């Protein structure tokens, strides 16, 4: 590992001196590092690399992180599913709107489909005006353009765009004359009773990859020729000079802009123009190959979400024997990617918590007749039965996770050493939950001491093990301590959690499993 470049290694030091522990941002500038920076010593231990630097600073890096492969922002062809129409013979990526809203896993699946395959359809979205904005806001922000925050796709008497007529629209990307181009488009069907008007998609990345394979020189021409895309109407004039196919510094396809209606006049030498038009025509012909064209119908309540930097969308002509009305809006891939990353992060956190219940939680609970997991599940079930709000059900479920997370274990508490598990658990949970969950956890031990001081009958109901831990944790509060506790924010919630805690020690009591509480926890995570 010592062959790693020292400035790269030090620039990525994860310690609290180098990065803000709350947001991970660096606390130094690259030119703050000494000119002759070098590794003075390094040691691999406990799954990490410890480095002593020539300026005396110490760093520790997880070996797993050091061995990770190069990653990216997910925008290039790498890691995406390039497709042809036959790949969706069994059906296109879709989900019900209700399930998408209520189940984080379903939402993640939809957003993953948009990121990987370029599109997904939500079924059963209420067919009311402006609902498309709610769909966009479920994962990001609406991009407002000269068309407004939303636009109606229907026959207009004086259209400023062929999309607002009944004619067929060839495969294209929207708004290529913008820089930056809106990277996502949404189309929500309010009505589609006309004959015709089916929707079509073409994977522009696949079409570009085919061009690269069949005619490499044409591919190169389209990646290096800036094309003037132009839009004009009475109130707007837009222009962006960009290639039809954009690649990143490593040569990977990153963006496709393709819109015959918006290409302005390209200038150049005769040889350059001849080469461009030969490549342009070849690429256009590839996008029209039947095997690349996926056609389907949007019905009332369907909302199509697609990547406007990758997929070309199209429409068949329709007769005016019925009504076809879609509402659309634009959004951006970065917010979709952000929402998806947070969903994955939350899922990983929930997996980690679930692992505690299935692993260490299966062990004994401080001398009681239930396991730790059974105890916490019983506490949550008691809170739920009492009609408690979600944050208190979560606090009841998680109140004892500190027994697993600190330097001292629950076993140490039973051996007479306070492991301060309420503080440890609250601090651990704070990376995902707000104070409405963490503070009742933090205060639930203090709540026992408080209740023993103000309700003598409460202490008489404590189990033998709970009476013992009360002594280790400081015993009942005195009058001054009890008064101070009662004034704390969250004290009442902590008392409620404490009462459910004491009820949760019945061997064999039936309770829901951890998965029952997973959606509740996911909704509370920040």
Protein backbone atom coordinates (compact mmCIF):
# COMPACT_ATOMS: atom_id res chain seq x y z
CA UNK A 1 0.00 0.00 0.00
CA UNK A 2 2.93 2.36 0.55
CA UNK A 3 3.35 2.73 -3.23
CA UNK A 4 0.16 4.81 -3.31
CA UNK A 5 0.88 8.49 -4.17
CA UNK A 6 1.30 10.35 -0.87
CA UNK A 7 -0.72 13.41 -1.85
CA UNK A 8 -3.65 11.26 -2.99
CA UNK A 9 -3.52 9.26 0.21
CA UNK A 10 -3.29 12.30 2.48
CA UNK A 11 -5.95 14.19 0.50
CA UNK A 12 -8.33 11.33 1.35
CA UNK A 13 -7.52 11.11 5.05
CA UNK A 14 -10.85 10.47 6.82
CA UNK A 15 -9.90 11.70 10.30
CA UNK A 16 -11.80 14.46 12.11
CA UNK A 17 -8.83 16.85 11.77
CA UNK A 18 -9.03 16.57 7.98
CA UNK A 19 -12.79 16.25 7.44
CA UNK A 20 -15.80 17.67 9.21
CA UNK A 21 -17.37 14.64 10.92
CA UNK A 22 -20.88 15.98 10.28
CA UNK A 23 -20.70 16.46 6.51
CA UNK A 24 -17.42 14.85 5.40
CA UNK A 25 -16.09 18.02 3.77
CA UNK A 26 -12.36 18.68 3.82
CA UNK A 27 -10.97 21.13 6.35
CA UNK A 28 -7.75 21.91 4.45
CA UNK A 29 -6.61 23.08 1.03
CA UNK A 30 -4.35 20.88 -1.08
CA UNK A 31 -1.58 23.50 -0.97
CA UNK A 32 -1.70 23.43 2.85
CA UNK A 33 0.15 20.11 2.71
CA UNK A 34 3.96 20.29 2.97
CA UNK A 35 6.00 20.34 -0.22
CA UNK A 36 8.01 17.28 0.76
CA UNK A 37 5.14 15.19 2.16
CA UNK A 38 6.10 11.54 2.59
CA UNK A 39 5.01 8.42 4.48
CA UNK A 40 7.24 8.05 7.55
CA UNK A 41 5.80 4.66 8.57
CA UNK A 42 2.81 2.46 7.77
CA UNK A 43 1.23 -0.61 9.36
CA UNK A 44 -1.65 -2.86 8.32
CA UNK A 45 -3.76 -3.86 11.31
CA UNK A 46 -7.38 -4.79 12.05
CA UNK A 47 -8.52 -4.34 8.46
CA UNK A 48 -6.94 -0.92 8.06
CA UNK A 49 -3.77 0.85 6.98
CA UNK A 50 -2.29 3.17 9.61
CA UNK A 51 0.03 5.84 8.25
CA UNK A 52 2.40 8.15 10.09
CA UNK A 53 3.25 11.12 7.91
CA UNK A 54 6.50 13.07 7.71
CA UNK A 55 4.77 16.10 9.27
CA UNK A 56 3.60 14.03 12.27
CA UNK A 57 -0.03 13.59 11.18
CA UNK A 58 -1.60 10.13 11.55
CA UNK A 59 -4.19 8.62 9.21
CA UNK A 60 -6.11 5.35 9.14
CA UNK A 61 -7.70 3.95 5.99
CA UNK A 62 -9.96 0.86 5.68
CA UNK A 63 -8.28 -1.72 3.42
CA UNK A 64 -11.60 -2.36 1.71
CA UNK A 65 -11.77 1.31 0.72
CA UNK A 66 -8.17 1.32 -0.51
CA UNK A 67 -8.90 -1.64 -2.76
CA UNK A 68 -12.08 -0.25 -4.28
CA UNK A 69 -12.33 0.12 -8.06
CA UNK A 70 -12.72 3.43 -9.87
CA UNK A 71 -16.32 4.59 -9.67
CA UNK A 72 -18.21 7.30 -11.52
CA UNK A 73 -21.31 9.47 -11.47
CA UNK A 74 -23.45 6.89 -13.28
CA UNK A 75 -24.01 9.08 -16.34
CA UNK A 76 -21.96 7.19 -18.92
CA UNK A 77 -22.67 3.97 -20.78
CA UNK A 78 -20.57 2.08 -18.24
CA UNK A 79 -22.81 0.26 -15.83
CA UNK A 80 -25.99 0.95 -17.79
CA UNK A 81 -28.17 -1.65 -19.46
CA UNK A 82 -28.04 -0.90 -23.20
CA UNK A 83 -31.10 -2.47 -24.77
CA UNK A 84 -33.06 -3.38 -27.85
CA UNK A 85 -36.85 -3.67 -27.95
CA UNK A 86 -36.85 -7.45 -27.60
CA UNK A 87 -35.24 -7.14 -24.17
CA UNK A 88 -38.64 -6.01 -22.87
CA UNK A 89 -40.67 -8.85 -24.37
CA UNK A 90 -41.85 -9.76 -20.87
CA UNK A 91 -42.78 -6.19 -20.01
CA UNK A 92 -41.32 -2.78 -19.43
CA UNK A 93 -40.11 -1.46 -16.04
CA UNK A 94 -43.23 -0.36 -14.19
CA UNK A 95 -44.80 0.00 -10.76
CA UNK A 96 -48.06 1.08 -9.19
CA UNK A 97 -48.07 4.65 -7.93
CA UNK A 98 -49.39 3.66 -4.49
CA UNK A 99 -46.65 1.06 -4.01
CA UNK A 100 -44.01 3.50 -5.25
CA UNK A 101 -45.08 6.04 -2.64
CA UNK A 102 -45.41 3.64 0.27
CA UNK A 103 -42.54 1.21 -0.23
CA UNK A 104 -38.96 2.55 -0.34
CA UNK A 105 -37.80 -0.64 -2.05
CA UNK A 106 -40.36 -0.12 -4.84
CA UNK A 107 -39.32 3.50 -5.25
CA UNK A 108 -35.67 2.45 -5.41
CA UNK A 109 -36.53 -0.16 -8.07
CA UNK A 110 -38.27 2.46 -10.24
CA UNK A 111 -35.46 4.99 -9.94
CA UNK A 112 -32.87 2.27 -10.58
CA UNK A 113 -34.70 1.35 -13.79
CA UNK A 114 -34.56 4.97 -14.95
CA UNK A 115 -30.86 5.14 -14.15
CA UNK A 116 -29.99 1.75 -15.66
CA UNK A 117 -32.43 1.25 -18.56
CA UNK A 118 -33.29 4.90 -19.02
CA UNK A 119 -37.00 4.75 -18.25
CA UNK A 120 -39.86 3.43 -16.14
CA UNK A 121 -43.64 3.81 -16.11
CA UNK A 122 -45.76 4.48 -13.04
CA UNK A 123 -49.28 3.10 -13.33
CA UNK A 124 -52.34 4.46 -11.57
CA UNK A 125 -51.08 7.99 -11.07
CA UNK A 126 -54.22 10.11 -10.42
CA UNK A 127 -55.32 11.49 -13.79
CA UNK A 128 -55.69 15.06 -12.62
CA UNK A 129 -54.03 18.18 -13.90
CA UNK A 130 -50.59 19.07 -12.49
CA UNK A 131 -50.13 15.62 -10.95
CA UNK A 132 -47.00 15.19 -13.08
CA UNK A 133 -45.35 17.79 -10.85
CA UNK A 134 -46.00 15.61 -7.80
CA UNK A 135 -44.33 12.69 -9.55
CA UNK A 136 -41.22 14.77 -10.29
CA UNK A 137 -41.17 16.13 -6.74
CA UNK A 138 -41.30 12.59 -5.32
CA UNK A 139 -37.61 12.27 -6.21
CA UNK A 140 -36.35 15.72 -7.15
CA UNK A 141 -37.18 19.17 -8.46
CA UNK A 142 -39.02 20.45 -11.50
CA UNK A 143 -36.89 22.22 -14.14
CA UNK A 144 -38.81 25.28 -15.31
CA UNK A 145 -38.30 26.23 -18.98
CA UNK A 146 -39.88 28.60 -21.48
CA UNK A 147 -42.69 26.03 -21.67
CA UNK A 148 -43.43 26.70 -18.00
CA UNK A 149 -43.21 24.37 -15.02
CA UNK A 150 -45.34 21.93 -17.00
CA UNK A 151 -46.60 21.70 -20.57
CA UNK A 152 -49.63 20.16 -22.23
CA UNK A 153 -49.04 17.73 -25.08
CA UNK A 154 -52.22 17.96 -27.11
CA UNK A 155 -53.37 19.47 -30.37
CA UNK A 156 -53.09 23.26 -30.15
CA UNK A 157 -54.59 25.76 -32.61
CA UNK A 158 -51.32 27.72 -32.99
CA UNK A 159 -48.50 25.33 -32.02
CA UNK A 160 -44.94 26.55 -31.52
CA UNK A 161 -43.74 22.93 -31.63
CA UNK A 162 -44.78 19.92 -33.72
CA UNK A 163 -45.31 18.01 -30.47
CA UNK A 164 -48.52 20.04 -30.11
CA UNK A 165 -50.04 18.61 -33.30
CA UNK A 166 -51.36 15.17 -34.26
CA UNK A 167 -48.56 14.29 -36.69
CA UNK A 168 -46.05 11.48 -36.09
CA UNK A 169 -42.92 12.54 -34.26
CA UNK A 170 -39.66 10.75 -35.11
CA UNK A 171 -37.27 9.60 -32.38
CA UNK A 172 -35.60 12.62 -30.78
CA UNK A 173 -34.36 14.14 -27.54
CA UNK A 174 -35.97 17.27 -26.14
CA UNK A 175 -34.49 20.73 -25.74
CA UNK A 176 -31.07 20.09 -27.35
CA UNK A 177 -30.81 23.85 -27.78
CA UNK A 178 -30.42 24.26 -24.01
CA UNK A 179 -27.17 24.11 -22.07
CA UNK A 180 -27.59 22.33 -19.79
CA UNK A 181 -30.31 20.26 -21.37
CA UNK A 182 -33.07 18.98 -19.04
CA UNK A 183 -31.81 15.51 -18.24
CA UNK A 184 -35.16 13.93 -17.34
CA UNK A 185 -38.59 14.19 -18.90
CA UNK A 186 -41.91 13.05 -17.47
CA UNK A 187 -45.11 12.51 -19.47
CA UNK A 188 -48.36 11.85 -17.60
CA UNK A 189 -51.37 10.62 -19.57
CA UNK A 190 -54.63 12.31 -18.62
CA UNK A 191 -56.56 10.89 -21.57
CA UNK A 192 -55.79 8.80 -24.65
CA UNK A 193 -58.95 7.84 -26.48
CA UNK A 194 -57.71 8.73 -29.98
CA UNK A 195 -56.77 6.14 -32.58
CA UNK A 196 -52.99 6.02 -32.72
CA UNK A 197 -50.71 8.16 -30.62
CA UNK A 198 -48.60 5.31 -29.26
CA UNK A 199 -45.33 6.18 -27.52
CA UNK A 200 -41.92 4.99 -28.65
CA UNK A 201 -38.43 4.88 -27.15
CA UNK A 202 -35.01 4.18 -28.61
CA UNK A 203 -31.90 3.63 -26.53
CA UNK A 204 -29.65 6.35 -27.92
CA UNK A 205 -26.62 4.91 -26.12
CA UNK A 206 -27.22 1.55 -27.83
CA UNK A 207 -27.64 3.27 -31.19
CA UNK A 208 -24.39 5.19 -30.64
CA UNK A 209 -22.61 2.00 -29.60
CA UNK A 210 -23.84 0.30 -32.79
CA UNK A 211 -22.50 3.23 -34.83
CA UNK A 212 -19.15 2.97 -33.04
CA UNK A 213 -18.96 -0.74 -33.86
CA UNK A 214 -20.12 -0.49 -37.47
CA UNK A 215 -18.55 2.80 -38.52
CA UNK A 216 -15.88 4.03 -36.06
CA UNK A 217 -14.93 7.00 -38.22
CA UNK A 218 -18.53 8.21 -38.34
CA UNK A 219 -18.78 7.82 -34.58
CA UNK A 220 -15.67 9.96 -34.14
CA UNK A 221 -17.09 12.59 -36.48
CA UNK A 222 -20.28 12.91 -34.46
CA UNK A 223 -18.39 13.15 -31.15
CA UNK A 224 -16.11 15.97 -32.29
CA UNK A 225 -18.47 18.11 -34.44
CA UNK A 226 -20.34 20.86 -32.54
CA UNK A 227 -23.85 21.10 -33.96
CA UNK A 228 -25.89 24.31 -33.64
CA UNK A 229 -29.24 23.44 -32.04
CA UNK A 230 -31.67 26.38 -32.21
CA UNK A 231 -35.18 27.21 -30.99
CA UNK A 232 -37.07 30.43 -31.72
CA UNK A 233 -40.58 31.63 -31.09
CA UNK A 234 -42.13 35.01 -30.34
CA UNK A 235 -40.61 35.27 -26.87
CA UNK A 236 -37.67 32.88 -26.88
CA UNK A 237 -34.39 32.37 -28.72
CA UNK A 238 -32.12 29.56 -27.57
CA UNK A 239 -28.95 28.02 -28.99
CA UNK A 240 -26.46 25.42 -27.87
CA UNK A 241 -23.54 24.12 -29.95
CA UNK A 242 -22.97 20.52 -28.88
CA UNK A 243 -22.11 17.23 -30.62
CA UNK A 244 -24.78 14.67 -31.39
CA UNK A 245 -22.83 12.15 -29.32
CA UNK A 246 -20.86 13.35 -26.31
CA UNK A 247 -18.17 11.19 -24.69
CA UNK A 248 -16.24 11.70 -21.48
CA UNK A 249 -12.46 11.95 -21.10
CA UNK A 250 -12.23 8.14 -21.17
CA UNK A 251 -14.18 7.88 -24.42
CA UNK A 252 -17.38 6.53 -22.83
CA UNK A 253 -20.73 7.65 -24.28
CA UNK A 254 -22.22 10.20 -21.90
CA UNK A 255 -24.94 12.07 -23.76
CA UNK A 256 -26.93 11.97 -26.98
CA UNK A 257 -28.59 15.04 -28.49
CA UNK A 258 -30.69 14.20 -31.49
CA UNK A 259 -33.47 16.38 -32.84
CA UNK A 260 -33.87 16.90 -36.58
CA UNK A 261 -36.36 19.71 -36.04
CA UNK A 262 -33.90 21.80 -34.02
CA UNK A 263 -30.63 21.52 -35.94
CA UNK A 264 -29.58 24.90 -37.30
CA UNK A 265 -27.16 25.60 -40.12
CA UNK A 266 -23.83 23.85 -39.61
CA UNK A 267 -20.84 25.72 -41.07
CA UNK A 268 -17.50 24.25 -42.11
CA UNK A 269 -15.37 23.15 -45.02
CA UNK A 270 -16.85 21.01 -47.76
CA UNK A 271 -14.93 17.98 -46.49
CA UNK A 272 -16.13 18.54 -42.91
CA UNK A 273 -19.75 18.97 -43.95
CA UNK A 274 -19.64 15.93 -46.21
CA UNK A 275 -18.20 13.79 -43.43
CA UNK A 276 -20.72 15.07 -40.90
CA UNK A 277 -23.78 14.45 -43.08
CA UNK A 278 -22.63 10.97 -43.98
CA UNK A 279 -22.23 10.16 -40.28
CA UNK A 280 -25.46 11.94 -39.33
CA UNK A 281 -27.48 10.00 -41.92
CA UNK A 282 -25.95 6.69 -40.82
CA UNK A 283 -26.74 7.41 -37.16
CA UNK A 284 -30.30 8.49 -38.00
CA UNK A 285 -30.84 5.26 -39.94
CA UNK A 286 -29.65 3.21 -36.96
CA UNK A 287 -32.15 4.93 -34.63
CA UNK A 288 -34.94 3.88 -37.02
CA UNK A 289 -34.05 0.19 -37.08
CA UNK A 290 -37.14 -1.74 -35.96
CA UNK A 291 -35.19 -3.84 -33.46
CA UNK A 292 -34.20 -0.67 -31.57
CA UNK A 293 -37.68 0.85 -31.42
CA UNK A 294 -39.77 0.01 -28.36
CA UNK A 295 -43.43 0.96 -28.83
CA UNK A 296 -46.13 0.94 -26.16
CA UNK A 297 -49.27 2.84 -25.28
CA UNK A 298 -49.71 5.24 -22.41
CA UNK A 299 -53.20 4.98 -20.98
CA UNK A 300 -55.03 7.21 -18.54
CA UNK A 301 -53.05 7.42 -15.28
CA UNK A 302 -49.71 6.24 -16.74
CA UNK A 303 -46.65 8.41 -16.18
CA UNK A 304 -43.47 7.80 -18.19
CA UNK A 305 -40.17 8.92 -16.67
CA UNK A 306 -37.15 8.82 -18.98
CA UNK A 307 -33.56 9.96 -19.39
CA UNK A 308 -33.59 12.78 -21.95
CA UNK A 309 -29.80 12.66 -22.41
CA UNK A 310 -29.95 9.01 -23.48
CA UNK A 311 -33.34 7.91 -24.79
CA UNK A 312 -34.92 9.17 -27.96
CA UNK A 313 -38.69 9.33 -27.68
CA UNK A 314 -41.23 9.23 -30.45
CA UNK A 315 -44.97 9.17 -31.15
CA UNK A 316 -47.10 7.67 -33.87
CA UNK A 317 -49.60 9.91 -35.62
CA UNK A 318 -53.12 9.90 -34.23
CA UNK A 319 -56.56 10.67 -35.52
CA UNK A 320 -58.69 13.32 -33.96
CA UNK A 321 -61.53 10.86 -33.37
CA UNK A 322 -60.87 11.06 -29.64
CA UNK A 323 -58.74 13.02 -27.22
CA UNK A 324 -55.06 12.60 -26.44
CA UNK A 325 -53.81 14.76 -23.60
CA UNK A 326 -50.53 14.35 -21.78
CA UNK A 327 -48.98 16.72 -19.29
CA UNK A 328 -45.22 16.84 -19.11
CA UNK A 329 -42.45 18.44 -17.15
CA UNK A 330 -38.68 18.32 -16.93
CA UNK A 331 -36.46 17.32 -14.04
CA UNK A 332 -32.84 16.28 -13.62
CA UNK A 333 -30.87 13.10 -13.17
CA UNK A 334 -28.72 14.45 -10.36
CA UNK A 335 -31.69 14.73 -8.01
CA UNK A 336 -32.94 11.29 -9.04
CA UNK A 337 -29.46 9.91 -8.37
CA UNK A 338 -29.36 11.69 -5.02
CA UNK A 339 -32.71 10.25 -3.95
CA UNK A 340 -31.66 6.79 -5.08
CA UNK A 341 -28.36 7.02 -3.19
CA UNK A 342 -30.19 8.07 -0.01
CA UNK A 343 -32.65 5.18 -0.43
CA UNK A 344 -29.72 2.78 -0.78
CA UNK A 345 -28.00 4.36 2.22
CA UNK A 346 -31.15 3.98 4.29
CA UNK A 347 -31.59 0.39 3.13
CA UNK A 348 -28.00 -0.37 4.15
CA UNK A 349 -28.62 1.21 7.56
CA UNK A 350 -31.81 -0.79 8.03
CA UNK A 351 -29.93 -3.92 7.02
CA UNK A 352 -27.33 -3.14 9.68
CA UNK A 353 -30.02 -2.66 12.32
CA UNK A 354 -31.82 -5.81 11.19
CA UNK A 355 -28.50 -7.63 11.53
CA UNK A 356 -28.36 -6.67 15.20
CA UNK A 357 -31.79 -8.18 15.80
CA UNK A 358 -30.89 -11.38 13.95
CA UNK A 359 -27.34 -11.64 15.36
CA UNK A 360 -26.38 -10.30 18.76
CA UNK A 361 -30.03 -9.62 19.53
CA UNK A 362 -30.67 -13.35 19.65
CA UNK A 363 -28.60 -13.49 22.85
CA UNK A 364 -29.88 -13.22 26.38
CA UNK A 365 -31.22 -9.95 27.70
CA UNK A 366 -29.55 -9.00 30.97
CA UNK A 367 -30.79 -11.98 32.98
CA UNK A 368 -34.40 -11.77 31.74
CA UNK A 369 -36.40 -14.65 30.23
CA UNK A 370 -36.39 -13.06 26.77
CA UNK A 371 -33.67 -12.35 24.25
CA UNK A 372 -32.58 -8.79 23.51
CA UNK A 373 -34.43 -8.87 20.18
CA UNK A 374 -37.59 -10.24 21.76
CA UNK A 375 -37.43 -7.52 24.40
CA UNK A 376 -37.10 -4.68 21.87
CA UNK A 377 -39.80 -6.13 19.58
CA UNK A 378 -42.15 -6.50 22.55
CA UNK A 379 -41.52 -2.89 23.54
CA UNK A 380 -42.33 -1.72 20.00
CA UNK A 381 -45.46 -3.87 19.91
CA UNK A 382 -46.61 -2.35 23.21
CA UNK A 383 -46.05 1.16 21.83
CA UNK A 384 -47.93 0.31 18.67
CA UNK A 385 -50.82 -1.22 20.64
CA UNK A 386 -51.02 1.98 22.69
CA UNK A 387 -51.46 4.02 19.50
CA UNK A 388 -48.12 5.79 19.94
CA UNK A 389 -46.83 8.01 17.12
CA UNK A 390 -44.30 6.45 14.77
CA UNK A 391 -41.26 8.11 16.32
CA UNK A 392 -42.06 6.58 19.70
CA UNK A 393 -42.67 3.14 18.20
CA UNK A 394 -39.22 3.48 16.64
CA UNK A 395 -37.67 4.62 19.93
CA UNK A 396 -39.26 1.69 21.75
CA UNK A 397 -37.96 -0.71 19.10
CA UNK A 398 -34.40 0.67 19.17
CA UNK A 399 -34.00 1.77 22.78
CA UNK A 400 -31.43 -0.89 23.72
CA UNK A 401 -29.21 -0.97 20.60
CA UNK A 402 -26.50 0.72 22.67
CA UNK A 403 -25.84 -2.60 24.39
CA UNK A 404 -24.25 -3.71 21.09
CA UNK A 405 -22.46 -0.53 20.01
CA UNK A 406 -20.31 0.72 22.84
CA UNK A 407 -16.89 -0.20 24.18
CA UNK A 408 -18.77 -1.91 27.03
CA UNK A 409 -21.41 -4.57 26.39
CA UNK A 410 -24.63 -5.38 28.22
CA UNK A 411 -22.68 -8.11 29.97
CA UNK A 412 -20.51 -5.43 31.58
CA UNK A 413 -23.63 -3.78 32.98
CA UNK A 414 -24.65 -7.06 34.60
CA UNK A 415 -21.17 -7.33 36.07
CA UNK A 416 -21.54 -4.00 37.84
CA UNK A 417 -20.09 -1.49 35.33
CA UNK A 418 -22.48 1.01 33.76
CA UNK A 419 -22.07 0.77 29.98
CA UNK A 420 -24.08 3.99 29.40
CA UNK A 421 -25.91 2.20 26.60
CA UNK A 422 -28.60 4.85 26.32
CA UNK A 423 -26.04 7.50 25.26
CA UNK A 424 -24.15 5.08 23.04
CA UNK A 425 -27.33 3.93 21.30
CA UNK A 426 -28.62 7.46 20.78
CA UNK A 427 -25.31 8.62 19.33
CA UNK A 428 -25.19 5.64 16.97
CA UNK A 429 -28.77 6.16 15.82
CA UNK A 430 -28.25 9.92 15.29
CA UNK A 431 -26.54 9.27 11.96
CA UNK A 432 -29.97 8.27 10.59
CA UNK A 433 -32.66 9.56 12.91
CA UNK A 434 -33.59 12.91 14.39
CA UNK A 435 -33.94 13.82 18.07
CA UNK A 436 -37.58 12.76 18.16
CA UNK A 437 -36.24 9.17 18.01
CA UNK A 438 -32.81 9.50 19.60
CA UNK A 439 -33.69 11.56 22.69
CA UNK A 440 -36.19 9.08 24.15
CA UNK A 441 -33.50 6.45 23.60
CA UNK A 442 -30.89 8.65 25.29
CA UNK A 443 -33.16 9.36 28.26
CA UNK A 444 -34.83 6.00 28.79
CA UNK A 445 -32.39 4.92 31.55
CA UNK A 446 -32.78 8.29 33.27
CA UNK A 447 -36.56 7.82 32.93
CA UNK A 448 -36.35 4.62 35.00
CA UNK A 449 -34.45 6.44 37.72
CA UNK A 450 -37.04 9.25 37.53
CA UNK A 451 -40.05 6.93 37.76
CA UNK A 452 -38.54 5.12 40.73
CA UNK A 453 -38.27 8.50 42.47
CA UNK A 454 -41.76 9.84 41.74
CA UNK A 455 -43.78 6.60 41.60
CA UNK A 456 -42.85 4.19 44.40
CA UNK A 457 -45.23 1.58 42.97
CA UNK A 458 -43.22 1.62 39.75
CA UNK A 459 -40.08 0.41 41.48
CA UNK A 460 -41.97 -2.41 43.13
CA UNK A 461 -42.89 -3.75 39.68
CA UNK A 462 -39.28 -3.92 38.43
CA UNK A 463 -37.87 -7.34 37.65
CA UNK A 464 -34.95 -8.60 39.69
CA UNK A 465 -32.53 -7.86 36.84
CA UNK A 466 -33.95 -4.38 36.30
CA UNK A 467 -33.65 -3.63 40.02
CA UNK A 468 -30.00 -4.66 39.87
CA UNK A 469 -29.20 -2.48 36.84
CA UNK A 470 -31.00 0.43 38.50
CA UNK A 471 -28.42 0.30 41.26
CA UNK A 472 -25.52 0.17 38.79
CA UNK A 473 -26.98 3.10 36.81
CA UNK A 474 -27.19 5.40 39.83
CA UNK A 475 -30.39 4.43 41.64
CA UNK A 476 -33.52 6.55 41.99
CA UNK A 477 -33.11 10.28 41.38
CA UNK A 478 -33.27 12.68 44.27
CA UNK A 479 -35.89 15.42 44.31
CA UNK A 480 -33.66 17.95 42.55
CA UNK A 481 -32.61 15.52 39.84
CA UNK A 482 -36.20 14.44 39.24
CA UNK A 483 -37.34 18.05 38.84
CA UNK A 484 -34.51 18.76 36.39
CA UNK A 485 -35.31 15.62 34.38
CA UNK A 486 -38.99 16.52 34.09
CA UNK A 487 -37.99 19.82 32.40
CA UNK A 488 -35.91 18.16 29.69
CA UNK A 489 -37.22 18.14 26.10
CA UNK A 490 -38.24 14.59 25.36
CA UNK A 491 -38.63 13.60 29.00
CA UNK A 492 -42.32 12.67 28.59
CA UNK A 493 -41.49 10.55 25.53
CA UNK A 494 -38.67 8.85 27.42
CA UNK A 495 -41.05 8.00 30.26
CA UNK A 496 -43.47 6.45 27.77
CA UNK A 497 -40.66 4.35 26.24
CA UNK A 498 -39.59 3.31 29.74
CA UNK A 499 -43.05 1.99 30.58
CA UNK A 500 -43.14 -0.08 27.39
CA UNK A 501 -39.61 -1.27 28.20
CA UNK A 502 -40.82 -2.72 31.51
CA UNK A 503 -43.75 -4.45 29.82
CA UNK A 504 -41.48 -6.17 27.30
CA UNK A 505 -40.10 -9.12 29.26
CA UNK A 506 -42.66 -11.90 28.67
CA UNK A 507 -41.21 -15.14 27.38
CA UNK A 508 -42.95 -16.37 24.24
CA UNK A 509 -45.10 -13.29 23.72
CA UNK A 510 -46.09 -13.04 20.02
CA UNK A 511 -44.86 -9.92 18.23
CA UNK A 512 -44.32 -8.77 14.66
CA UNK A 513 -40.79 -9.30 13.36
CA UNK A 514 -38.30 -6.55 12.53
CA UNK A 515 -39.46 -6.37 8.89
CA UNK A 516 -42.86 -5.18 10.09
CA UNK A 517 -41.21 -1.99 11.36
CA UNK A 518 -38.87 -1.44 8.43
CA UNK A 519 -41.17 0.93 6.44
CA UNK A 520 -41.85 2.94 9.60
CA UNK A 521 -38.12 3.32 10.27
CA UNK A 522 -37.41 4.20 6.64
CA UNK A 523 -40.00 6.99 6.73
CA UNK A 524 -38.38 8.48 9.85
CA UNK A 525 -34.80 8.45 8.55
CA UNK A 526 -33.18 11.73 7.54
